Amino acid sequence: MKPVIFGLSGPALTPDERAFFREAKPAGYILFGRNVQTRAQVRALTDSLRELEGRADVAILVDQEGGRVARLGPPEWPAFPAGPDFDRLYELAPMSGIEAARANGHALGLMLAEVGITVDCHPILDVARDDTTDAIGIRAFGKEPMRVAAMGRATLEGLAAGGVVGVVKHIPGHGRALVDSHHHLPTVTASAEELEDDLAPFRTLAHAPMGMTSHIVFEAWDRERPATLSPIVIEQVIRGTIGFDGLLMTDDIDMKALSGSAGDKAAGAIAAGCDVVLDCWARMPEMEEIAARLDDISAASRARLDRAMATLTPPAGDMAALLDKRDRLLALV
């Protein structure tokens, strides 16, 4: 098994993808809007990945937060609210905000499990600020570490109840970034003491089964390298100060915050201490380059992956009732 999660080019596996994945044996797959059309089609696609791998516990990921970050959407699937909606309710009634986030996460999990998706890249634990880039601000659970952690925990628990593994992101925090790492490399100049607020939600949820890095330079820890490529940030901050021992994946290495070839970025992230690389865009030459550059997954990383996927439980719950509960609570605002 190679320590990489690959994207797919369309709504069904192509013959070339099937042959390549059978040889490369990636650690998992991630779906985007180009891969989803109907419930039956997505279920057939995820079943084909399980058949290809010969096992049921394949990590099949999606970014399904709500708001603008939703790969499955109307009219086939319901729209879900984003973090700021829950933040506004929490401001009025904290327990109601938490319960709404839990019901929302539970419904998300049921929706994804129905079509065979096993991992949701959610909850986002970035602590927003007044000047946070909109790429994060429109998604975050708020500006207070305690409420971000509380609603993140509720979301993680809800996803698990719905039969899906959650991924906390973007470790060690994206809230101080002033530019979008999809397009630029952000640099954060805050001191280590100031960054304690950013670390707090991740420390609270350090038991999460999976986490995702941020492509950000934190001058307090490493002036030269973004977190994804920094052994200092990964070993001393993420594994050390935060205490996170789940599966650590990169954010998408195709994002413009990182420079170099696909193989260079992938090899650099693994060398820095990430467990797996996330490569989303299904470009066959780049996937082949990554697979050629990476050794097989390490024993420690494979153990983290297996441990995370072992947390999967059969989905249980009434989606309509959960959505009704969430909507009644959000209507209080």
Protein backbone atom coordinates (compact mmCIF):
# COMPACT_ATOMS: atom_id res chain seq x y z
CA MET A 1 0.00 0.00 0.00
CA LYS A 2 1.26 3.46 -0.95
CA PRO A 3 0.76 6.32 1.56
CA VAL A 4 -1.42 8.40 -0.73
CA ILE A 5 -5.10 9.15 -1.26
CA PHE A 6 -5.96 9.69 -4.92
CA GLY A 7 -8.84 11.41 -6.68
CA LEU A 8 -10.86 9.92 -9.55
CA SER A 9 -11.49 11.53 -12.93
CA GLY A 10 -15.22 10.94 -13.33
CA PRO A 11 -18.40 9.17 -12.20
CA ALA A 12 -16.94 5.69 -12.82
CA LEU A 13 -13.48 4.17 -12.78
CA THR A 14 -11.75 4.24 -16.16
CA PRO A 15 -9.84 1.17 -17.34
CA ASP A 16 -6.55 3.07 -16.88
CA GLU A 17 -7.47 4.07 -13.33
CA ARG A 18 -8.52 0.54 -12.47
CA ALA A 19 -5.19 -0.86 -13.71
CA PHE A 20 -3.14 1.87 -12.02
CA PHE A 21 -4.92 1.64 -8.66
CA ARG A 22 -4.65 -2.14 -8.66
CA GLU A 23 -0.88 -1.79 -9.04
CA ALA A 24 -0.29 1.27 -6.82
CA LYS A 25 -2.63 0.22 -4.01
CA PRO A 26 -3.29 3.71 -2.58
CA ALA A 27 -4.34 4.14 1.05
CA GLY A 28 -7.67 5.59 -0.05
CA TYR A 29 -9.65 7.68 -2.51
CA ILE A 30 -11.38 11.08 -2.45
CA LEU A 31 -14.52 12.12 -4.34
CA PHE A 32 -15.40 15.53 -5.78
CA GLY A 33 -18.33 17.01 -7.65
CA ARG A 34 -17.09 15.48 -10.90
CA ASN A 35 -17.56 12.04 -9.32
CA VAL A 36 -21.14 12.38 -8.06
CA GLN A 37 -24.43 12.37 -9.97
CA THR A 38 -27.03 10.18 -8.27
CA ARG A 39 -27.27 7.96 -5.22
CA ALA A 40 -27.17 4.81 -7.32
CA GLN A 41 -24.16 6.05 -9.33
CA VAL A 42 -22.11 7.02 -6.25
CA ARG A 43 -22.94 3.74 -4.54
CA ALA A 44 -21.83 1.85 -7.66
CA LEU A 45 -18.58 3.87 -7.74
CA THR A 46 -17.74 3.26 -4.08
CA ASP A 47 -18.66 -0.42 -4.43
CA SER A 48 -16.26 -0.66 -7.38
CA LEU A 49 -13.48 0.73 -5.18
CA ARG A 50 -14.22 -1.84 -2.48
CA GLU A 51 -14.27 -4.60 -5.08
CA LEU A 52 -10.95 -3.36 -6.48
CA GLU A 53 -9.38 -3.37 -3.02
CA GLY A 54 -11.01 -6.63 -1.94
CA ARG A 55 -12.05 -5.27 1.45
CA ALA A 56 -14.96 -3.41 2.98
CA ASP A 57 -13.09 -0.82 5.08
CA VAL A 58 -11.60 1.22 2.23
CA ALA A 59 -11.08 4.90 3.13
CA ILE A 60 -13.32 6.73 0.65
CA LEU A 61 -13.25 10.43 1.45
CA VAL A 62 -15.27 13.50 0.58
CA ASP A 63 -15.24 17.17 1.64
CA GLN A 64 -18.80 17.56 2.89
CA GLU A 65 -18.98 20.40 5.40
CA GLY A 66 -22.03 22.34 4.30
CA GLY A 67 -22.43 25.74 2.72
CA ARG A 68 -20.02 26.21 -0.18
CA VAL A 69 -17.97 23.13 0.68
CA ALA A 70 -20.33 20.35 -0.37
CA ARG A 71 -19.62 17.82 -3.11
CA LEU A 72 -23.04 16.16 -2.79
CA GLY A 73 -25.88 18.65 -3.14
CA PRO A 74 -29.35 19.49 -4.43
CA PRO A 75 -31.43 18.26 -6.05
CA GLU A 76 -30.17 14.75 -5.34
CA TRP A 77 -29.10 15.46 -1.76
CA PRO A 78 -30.21 18.10 0.78
CA ALA A 79 -28.21 21.27 1.34
CA PHE A 80 -26.47 21.56 4.72
CA PRO A 81 -25.57 24.75 6.62
CA ALA A 82 -21.99 25.87 7.25
CA GLY A 83 -20.21 26.53 10.54
CA PRO A 84 -21.26 30.18 11.02
CA ASP A 85 -24.93 29.16 11.26
CA PHE A 86 -24.13 27.04 14.31
CA ASP A 87 -21.91 29.77 15.71
CA ARG A 88 -24.83 32.22 15.68
CA LEU A 89 -27.04 29.74 17.52
CA TYR A 90 -24.30 29.01 20.06
CA GLU A 91 -24.06 32.74 20.76
CA LEU A 92 -27.73 32.70 21.73
CA ALA A 93 -27.91 29.27 23.38
CA PRO A 94 -24.69 27.25 23.66
CA MET A 95 -26.28 23.85 24.31
CA SER A 96 -28.67 24.33 21.42
CA GLY A 97 -25.73 25.15 19.15
CA ILE A 98 -23.97 21.98 20.22
CA GLU A 99 -27.08 19.83 19.79
CA ALA A 100 -27.75 21.30 16.36
CA ALA A 101 -24.15 20.58 15.30
CA ARG A 102 -24.43 17.00 16.55
CA ALA A 103 -27.72 16.39 14.74
CA ASN A 104 -26.26 17.95 11.59
CA GLY A 105 -23.15 15.76 11.76
CA HIS A 106 -25.27 12.66 12.36
CA ALA A 107 -27.42 13.44 9.31
CA LEU A 108 -24.30 14.09 7.23
CA GLY A 109 -22.92 10.73 8.26
CA LEU A 110 -26.11 8.89 7.33
CA MET A 111 -26.24 10.61 3.95
CA LEU A 112 -22.64 9.68 3.14
CA ALA A 113 -22.80 6.15 4.52
CA GLU A 114 -25.85 5.45 2.35
CA VAL A 115 -23.70 5.85 -0.79
CA GLY A 116 -20.67 4.03 0.60
CA ILE A 117 -18.51 7.01 1.60
CA THR A 118 -16.59 6.18 4.77
CA VAL A 119 -14.66 9.38 5.66
CA ASP A 120 -15.78 13.02 5.79
CA CYS A 121 -13.10 15.74 5.82
CA HIS A 122 -14.93 17.59 8.58
CA PRO A 123 -15.08 19.12 11.22
CA ILE A 124 -13.09 22.26 10.56
CA LEU A 125 -11.46 23.35 13.85
CA ASP A 126 -9.84 26.56 12.65
CA VAL A 127 -10.46 29.48 15.00
CA ALA A 128 -11.61 32.44 12.93
CA ARG A 129 -10.50 36.03 13.43
CA ASP A 130 -11.72 39.35 12.06
CA ASP A 131 -9.13 39.22 9.27
CA THR A 132 -9.28 35.49 8.49
CA THR A 133 -9.35 34.75 4.78
CA ASP A 134 -12.89 34.11 3.49
CA ALA A 135 -11.72 30.67 2.41
CA ILE A 136 -11.93 29.76 6.12
CA GLY A 137 -14.17 32.46 7.59
CA ILE A 138 -17.28 31.31 5.74
CA ARG A 139 -16.77 27.79 7.11
CA ALA A 140 -15.50 28.17 10.68
CA PHE A 141 -17.48 27.45 13.85
CA GLY A 142 -16.44 30.77 15.35
CA LYS A 143 -13.77 32.92 16.95
CA GLU A 144 -13.66 31.33 20.41
CA PRO A 145 -11.57 28.17 20.83
CA MET A 146 -13.99 26.68 23.37
CA ARG A 147 -17.04 26.89 21.12
CA VAL A 148 -15.08 25.71 18.08
CA ALA A 149 -13.97 22.66 20.06
CA ALA A 150 -17.45 22.03 21.44
CA MET A 151 -19.17 22.11 18.06
CA GLY A 152 -16.29 20.25 16.45
CA ARG A 153 -16.64 17.49 19.03
CA ALA A 154 -20.41 17.33 18.49
CA THR A 155 -19.89 17.11 14.73
CA LEU A 156 -17.28 14.37 15.10
CA GLU A 157 -19.61 12.40 17.38
CA GLY A 158 -22.53 12.90 14.99
CA LEU A 159 -20.54 11.68 12.00
CA ALA A 160 -19.49 8.57 13.93
CA ALA A 161 -23.09 7.82 14.87
CA GLY A 162 -23.98 8.10 11.19
CA GLY A 163 -21.33 5.55 10.24
CA VAL A 164 -18.55 7.82 8.97
CA VAL A 165 -15.04 8.71 10.20
CA GLY A 166 -14.39 12.45 10.70
CA VAL A 167 -11.20 14.37 9.88
CA VAL A 168 -10.22 17.38 12.02
CA LYS A 169 -8.66 20.18 10.00
CA HIS A 170 -6.51 22.15 9.33
CA ILE A 171 -3.87 21.28 11.94
CA PRO A 172 -2.29 23.30 13.58
CA GLY A 173 -4.81 25.98 12.53
CA HIS A 174 -5.75 28.04 9.49
CA GLY A 175 -7.57 30.90 11.21
CA ARG A 176 -4.69 33.41 11.14
CA ALA A 177 -4.09 33.01 7.41
CA LEU A 178 -4.88 36.20 5.51
CA VAL A 179 -4.72 34.58 2.07
CA ASP A 180 -6.25 31.44 0.60
CA SER A 181 -3.77 28.55 0.56
CA HIS A 182 -5.49 27.21 -2.56
CA HIS A 183 -3.79 30.08 -4.38
CA HIS A 184 -1.00 31.49 -2.17
CA LEU A 185 1.32 30.42 0.64
CA PRO A 186 0.15 32.11 3.87
CA THR A 187 2.70 33.15 6.49
CA VAL A 188 1.66 33.56 10.13
CA THR A 189 3.86 35.78 12.31
CA ALA A 190 2.06 35.22 15.64
CA SER A 191 4.13 34.07 18.61
CA ALA A 192 3.94 30.56 20.02
CA GLU A 193 2.03 31.97 22.99
CA GLU A 194 -0.54 33.64 20.73
CA LEU A 195 -0.92 30.44 18.73
CA GLU A 196 -2.11 28.58 21.84
CA ASP A 197 -5.66 29.71 20.99
CA ASP A 198 -5.35 28.13 17.54
CA LEU A 199 -4.06 24.86 18.99
CA ALA A 200 -6.73 24.59 21.69
CA PRO A 201 -9.52 22.93 19.65
CA PHE A 202 -7.10 20.42 18.18
CA ARG A 203 -5.71 19.64 21.61
CA THR A 204 -9.25 19.09 22.91
CA LEU A 205 -9.95 16.69 20.04
CA ALA A 206 -6.48 15.12 19.89
CA HIS A 207 -8.20 11.72 20.08
CA ALA A 208 -9.79 12.23 16.63
CA PRO A 209 -9.12 9.29 14.30
CA MET A 210 -7.89 11.43 11.39
CA GLY A 211 -6.50 14.93 10.87
CA MET A 212 -5.44 17.15 7.98
CA THR A 213 -2.50 19.57 7.87
CA SER A 214 -2.47 23.20 6.78
CA HIS A 215 -0.17 24.58 4.07
CA ILE A 216 0.94 27.55 6.18
CA VAL A 217 4.32 28.84 7.34
CA PHE A 218 4.29 29.49 11.09
CA GLU A 219 7.31 31.64 11.80
CA ALA A 220 7.16 30.84 15.52
CA TRP A 221 8.03 27.21 14.73
CA ASP A 222 9.58 26.99 11.26
CA ARG A 223 10.34 30.07 9.17
CA GLU A 224 11.28 28.08 6.08
CA ARG A 225 8.65 25.39 5.57
CA PRO A 226 4.84 25.19 5.63
CA ALA A 227 3.39 22.88 8.27
CA THR A 228 2.73 20.10 5.76
CA LEU A 229 6.43 19.92 4.90
CA SER A 230 7.88 20.76 8.31
CA PRO A 231 9.17 17.95 10.56
CA ILE A 232 9.36 20.55 13.33
CA VAL A 233 5.67 21.41 13.14
CA ILE A 234 4.57 17.82 12.65
CA GLU A 235 6.70 16.17 15.33
CA GLN A 236 6.99 18.92 17.92
CA VAL A 237 3.66 20.72 17.54
CA ILE A 238 1.10 18.33 16.04
CA ARG A 239 2.37 15.09 17.57
CA GLY A 240 3.96 16.77 20.62
CA THR A 241 2.20 19.88 21.90
CA ILE A 242 -1.23 18.95 20.53
CA GLY A 243 -0.78 15.24 21.22
CA PHE A 244 -2.50 14.09 18.04
CA ASP A 245 -1.75 10.44 17.25
CA GLY A 246 -4.38 9.76 14.61
CA LEU A 247 -3.80 9.37 10.89
CA LEU A 248 -2.30 12.64 9.64
CA MET A 249 -2.99 13.44 5.99
CA THR A 250 -1.87 16.47 4.03
CA ASP A 251 -4.26 18.99 2.62
CA ASP A 252 -4.36 18.65 -1.18
CA ILE A 253 -0.76 18.87 -2.39
CA ASP A 254 -1.92 20.43 -5.65
CA MET A 255 -2.81 23.65 -3.82
CA LYS A 256 -0.65 26.57 -4.92
CA ALA A 257 0.68 27.16 -1.40
CA LEU A 258 3.15 24.35 -2.12
CA SER A 259 5.77 24.49 -4.85
CA GLY A 260 7.64 21.80 -6.74
CA SER A 261 6.60 18.73 -8.68
CA ALA A 262 3.87 16.41 -7.46
CA GLY A 263 6.49 13.82 -6.57
CA ASP A 264 8.66 16.31 -4.70
CA LYS A 265 5.72 17.56 -2.62
CA ALA A 266 4.50 14.06 -1.84
CA ALA A 267 7.93 12.77 -0.85
CA GLY A 268 8.56 15.91 1.21
CA ALA A 269 5.34 15.55 3.17
CA ILE A 270 6.00 11.90 4.02
CA ALA A 271 9.60 12.70 4.99
CA ALA A 272 8.31 15.47 7.27
CA GLY A 273 6.12 13.01 9.17
CA CYS A 274 2.72 13.01 7.47
CA ASP A 275 1.17 9.54 7.29
CA VAL A 276 -0.46 9.93 3.89
CA VAL A 277 -0.53 12.43 1.03
CA LEU A 278 -3.78 13.79 -0.42
CA ASP A 279 -3.64 14.24 -4.22
CA CYS A 280 -7.07 15.18 -5.49
CA TRP A 281 -7.09 15.87 -9.20
CA ALA A 282 -6.73 12.45 -10.85
CA ARG A 283 -4.06 13.52 -13.34
CA MET A 284 -2.53 10.20 -14.33
CA PRO A 285 1.05 11.45 -14.98
CA GLU A 286 1.15 13.11 -11.55
CA MET A 287 -0.34 10.07 -9.81
CA GLU A 288 2.22 7.85 -11.50
CA GLU A 289 5.01 10.20 -10.43
CA ILE A 290 3.79 10.19 -6.82
CA ALA A 291 3.46 6.40 -6.71
CA ALA A 292 6.97 6.02 -8.12
CA ARG A 293 8.46 8.41 -5.55
CA LEU A 294 6.81 6.96 -2.45
CA ASP A 295 7.85 3.82 -0.62
CA ASP A 296 5.19 1.57 0.88
CA ILE A 297 3.33 3.01 3.84
CA SER A 298 5.20 2.69 7.13
CA ALA A 299 4.06 0.25 9.79
CA ALA A 300 3.17 3.11 12.15
CA SER A 301 1.13 4.94 9.50
CA ARG A 302 -0.65 1.74 8.44
CA ALA A 303 -1.52 1.08 12.07
CA ARG A 304 -3.02 4.59 12.38
CA LEU A 305 -5.06 4.05 9.21
CA ASP A 306 -6.32 0.67 10.42
CA ARG A 307 -7.13 2.11 13.84
CA ALA A 308 -9.09 4.99 12.29
CA MET A 309 -11.10 2.76 9.98
CA ALA A 310 -11.80 0.35 12.86
CA THR A 311 -13.87 3.12 14.49
CA LEU A 312 -16.50 2.72 11.76
CA THR A 313 -19.81 1.50 13.14
CA PRO A 314 -23.02 0.61 11.30
CA PRO A 315 -25.02 3.76 10.57
CA ALA A 316 -28.04 4.25 12.78
CA GLY A 317 -30.63 7.01 13.04
CA ASP A 318 -33.51 8.70 11.26
CA MET A 319 -32.16 11.32 8.87
CA ALA A 320 -35.46 13.16 8.47
CA ALA A 321 -35.86 13.46 12.25
CA LEU A 322 -32.29 14.68 12.64
CA LEU A 323 -32.71 17.34 9.98
CA ASP A 324 -35.97 18.45 11.57
CA LYS A 325 -34.29 18.73 14.98
CA ARG A 326 -31.39 20.72 13.51
CA ASP A 327 -33.69 23.07 11.62
CA ARG A 328 -35.93 23.70 14.63
CA LEU A 329 -32.90 24.63 16.68
CA LEU A 330 -31.38 26.86 14.01
CA ALA A 331 -34.74 28.62 13.66
CA LEU A 332 -34.21 30.03 17.16
CA VAL A 333 -31.68 32.52 15.81
